[in-house]
Amino acid sequence: MKISLKILGRPQPKQSARFAIRKGKSGNHFLHKFQKKEVVDNERNFAFDAKSQLPEGFKPFTGPIKVKALFVFPPLKGFTKAKLNILASGGIIYKDTKPDLQDNLFKGVADSLEGIVFNNDSQICEVASRKIYGTVPRVELIFEEL
């Protein structure tokens, strides 16, 4: 089985969890781990968009899967007309700056789709991904059973 998803909007990296020292009810201090509201909201919206594209009655993958991911970022304001023309004509300009591909971009996608497209992100055994600039910012994903 193969599932394709296209989520429109600028790809958002998943930031590392934040930590703070809190004081408990008993007066003891403890380490509190949390995510920024923006990160949680982005994951929730991504999951909602993905759910709306799945076929009716879809059951999450249960075995090993491979993923093909394309992260398309909007062109930079400093792009020359020549670069913009390349994008407009369907050419590819790779994004070689932050955010990094596997740690931040793909991790957010995998976390938001856990329990929706697959049961656990440990099922992902093969990944092919790239990040480029384009005229329509989006994330395109293809999931396939191995």
Protein backbone atom coordinates (compact mmCIF):
# COMPACT_ATOMS: atom_id res chain seq x y z
CA MET A 1 0.00 0.00 0.00
CA LYS A 2 1.16 3.54 -0.79
CA ILE A 3 -0.12 6.80 0.76
CA SER A 4 0.69 10.28 -0.58
CA LEU A 5 0.16 13.48 1.40
CA LYS A 6 0.68 17.13 0.48
CA ILE A 7 0.59 19.62 3.34
CA LEU A 8 0.59 23.23 2.16
CA GLY A 9 2.49 25.90 4.09
CA ARG A 10 6.06 26.64 5.08
CA PRO A 11 7.79 23.57 6.58
CA GLN A 12 8.34 24.08 10.30
CA PRO A 13 11.22 22.46 12.19
CA LYS A 14 10.62 20.79 15.53
CA GLN A 15 12.61 22.56 18.19
CA SER A 16 14.18 20.75 21.08
CA ALA A 17 12.18 20.44 24.27
CA ARG A 18 12.62 23.19 26.84
CA PHE A 19 13.44 22.56 30.47
CA ALA A 20 12.67 24.58 33.57
CA ILE A 21 13.06 24.03 37.29
CA ARG A 22 9.70 24.15 39.04
CA LYS A 23 8.69 24.09 42.67
CA GLY A 24 6.22 21.33 43.57
CA LYS A 25 3.37 21.48 46.10
CA SER A 26 5.53 19.83 48.74
CA GLY A 27 8.26 22.44 48.27
CA ASN A 28 10.59 20.14 46.37
CA HIS A 29 12.12 21.32 43.12
CA PHE A 30 11.84 19.25 39.97
CA LEU A 31 12.82 19.45 36.33
CA HIS A 32 9.88 20.23 34.03
CA LYS A 33 10.16 19.36 30.32
CA PHE A 34 7.85 21.14 27.84
CA GLN A 35 7.39 22.18 24.20
CA LYS A 36 6.60 25.70 23.08
CA LYS A 37 2.92 26.26 22.23
CA GLU A 38 3.90 27.12 18.64
CA VAL A 39 5.55 23.70 18.18
CA VAL A 40 2.56 21.83 19.65
CA ASP A 41 0.09 23.82 17.51
CA ASN A 42 2.13 23.20 14.36
CA GLU A 43 2.16 19.43 14.98
CA ARG A 44 -1.59 19.43 15.67
CA ASN A 45 -2.36 21.36 12.46
CA PHE A 46 -0.06 19.13 10.40
CA ALA A 47 -1.80 16.02 11.76
CA PHE A 48 -5.24 17.48 11.02
CA ASP A 49 -4.28 18.27 7.39
CA ALA A 50 -2.85 14.76 6.97
CA LYS A 51 -5.97 13.07 8.40
CA SER A 52 -8.18 14.94 5.95
CA GLN A 53 -6.21 13.46 3.02
CA LEU A 54 -6.25 9.83 4.12
CA PRO A 55 -8.71 7.46 2.46
CA GLU A 56 -11.86 6.63 4.41
CA GLY A 57 -11.31 3.72 6.78
CA PHE A 58 -7.51 4.00 6.59
CA LYS A 59 -5.70 2.00 9.26
CA PRO A 60 -2.16 3.05 10.26
CA PHE A 61 0.72 0.98 8.87
CA THR A 62 1.76 -1.75 11.30
CA GLY A 63 4.97 -3.06 9.71
CA PRO A 64 8.15 -1.53 8.32
CA ILE A 65 7.69 1.44 5.98
CA LYS A 66 9.71 3.74 3.79
CA VAL A 67 9.13 7.46 3.44
CA LYS A 68 9.92 9.86 0.65
CA ALA A 69 9.79 13.46 1.89
CA LEU A 70 10.08 16.77 0.04
CA PHE A 71 10.29 20.02 2.03
CA VAL A 72 9.67 23.09 -0.15
CA PHE A 73 10.55 26.50 1.30
CA PRO A 74 9.51 29.89 -0.10
CA PRO A 75 12.16 31.77 -2.08
CA LEU A 76 14.33 34.20 -0.14
CA LYS A 77 13.71 37.93 -0.51
CA GLY A 78 17.28 38.31 -1.76
CA PHE A 79 16.82 35.90 -4.69
CA THR A 80 17.79 37.37 -8.04
CA LYS A 81 15.36 37.45 -10.95
CA ALA A 82 17.39 34.65 -12.53
CA LYS A 83 16.86 32.41 -9.48
CA LEU A 84 13.16 33.27 -9.36
CA ASN A 85 12.87 32.40 -13.06
CA ILE A 86 14.51 29.03 -12.39
CA LEU A 87 11.88 28.31 -9.73
CA ALA A 88 9.01 29.57 -11.91
CA SER A 89 10.07 27.26 -14.74
CA GLY A 90 10.14 24.22 -12.44
CA GLY A 91 13.88 24.17 -11.81
CA ILE A 92 15.40 23.09 -8.52
CA ILE A 93 17.39 25.22 -6.11
CA TYR A 94 18.46 23.26 -3.04
CA LYS A 95 18.20 24.80 0.43
CA ASP A 96 21.56 24.25 2.11
CA THR A 97 20.89 26.30 5.23
CA LYS A 98 19.06 25.62 8.49
CA PRO A 99 16.85 23.94 9.54
CA ASP A 100 18.63 20.63 9.21
CA LEU A 101 16.76 17.90 7.42
CA GLN A 102 16.65 14.82 9.62
CA ASP A 103 16.90 16.16 13.15
CA ASN A 104 14.43 19.01 13.01
CA LEU A 105 12.31 18.88 9.86
CA PHE A 106 11.64 15.17 9.57
CA LYS A 107 11.33 14.61 13.34
CA GLY A 108 8.39 17.03 13.54
CA VAL A 109 6.65 15.29 10.64
CA ALA A 110 7.21 11.83 12.11
CA ASP A 111 5.99 12.86 15.56
CA SER A 112 2.84 14.54 14.24
CA LEU A 113 1.84 11.52 12.11
CA GLU A 114 2.43 8.87 14.76
CA GLY A 115 -0.82 7.00 15.39
CA ILE A 116 -2.32 8.46 12.20
CA VAL A 117 -0.26 7.10 9.29
CA PHE A 118 1.82 4.59 11.29
CA ASN A 119 1.66 3.28 14.84
CA ASN A 120 5.17 4.26 15.88
CA ASP A 121 7.93 6.23 14.14
CA SER A 122 10.31 3.34 14.84
CA GLN A 123 8.54 1.58 11.91
CA ILE A 124 10.25 3.99 9.50
CA CYS A 125 13.14 1.94 8.15
CA GLU A 126 14.03 3.88 5.01
CA VAL A 127 13.95 7.62 4.36
CA ALA A 128 14.66 9.61 1.21
CA SER A 129 14.27 13.34 1.75
CA ARG A 130 15.35 16.69 0.38
CA LYS A 131 14.74 20.37 0.99
CA ILE A 132 14.45 22.88 -1.79
CA TYR A 133 13.08 26.31 -2.59
CA GLY A 134 9.88 26.61 -4.58
CA THR A 135 7.00 28.91 -5.46
CA VAL A 136 4.49 26.92 -3.34
CA PRO A 137 5.80 26.13 0.17
CA ARG A 138 4.72 22.64 1.25
CA VAL A 139 5.66 19.22 2.56
CA GLU A 140 5.07 16.24 0.25
CA LEU A 141 5.20 12.75 1.73
CA ILE A 142 4.89 9.27 0.25
CA PHE A 143 4.60 6.32 2.66
CA GLU A 144 4.99 2.80 1.40
CA GLU A 145 5.07 -0.61 3.05
CA LEU A 146 8.35 -2.52 2.79
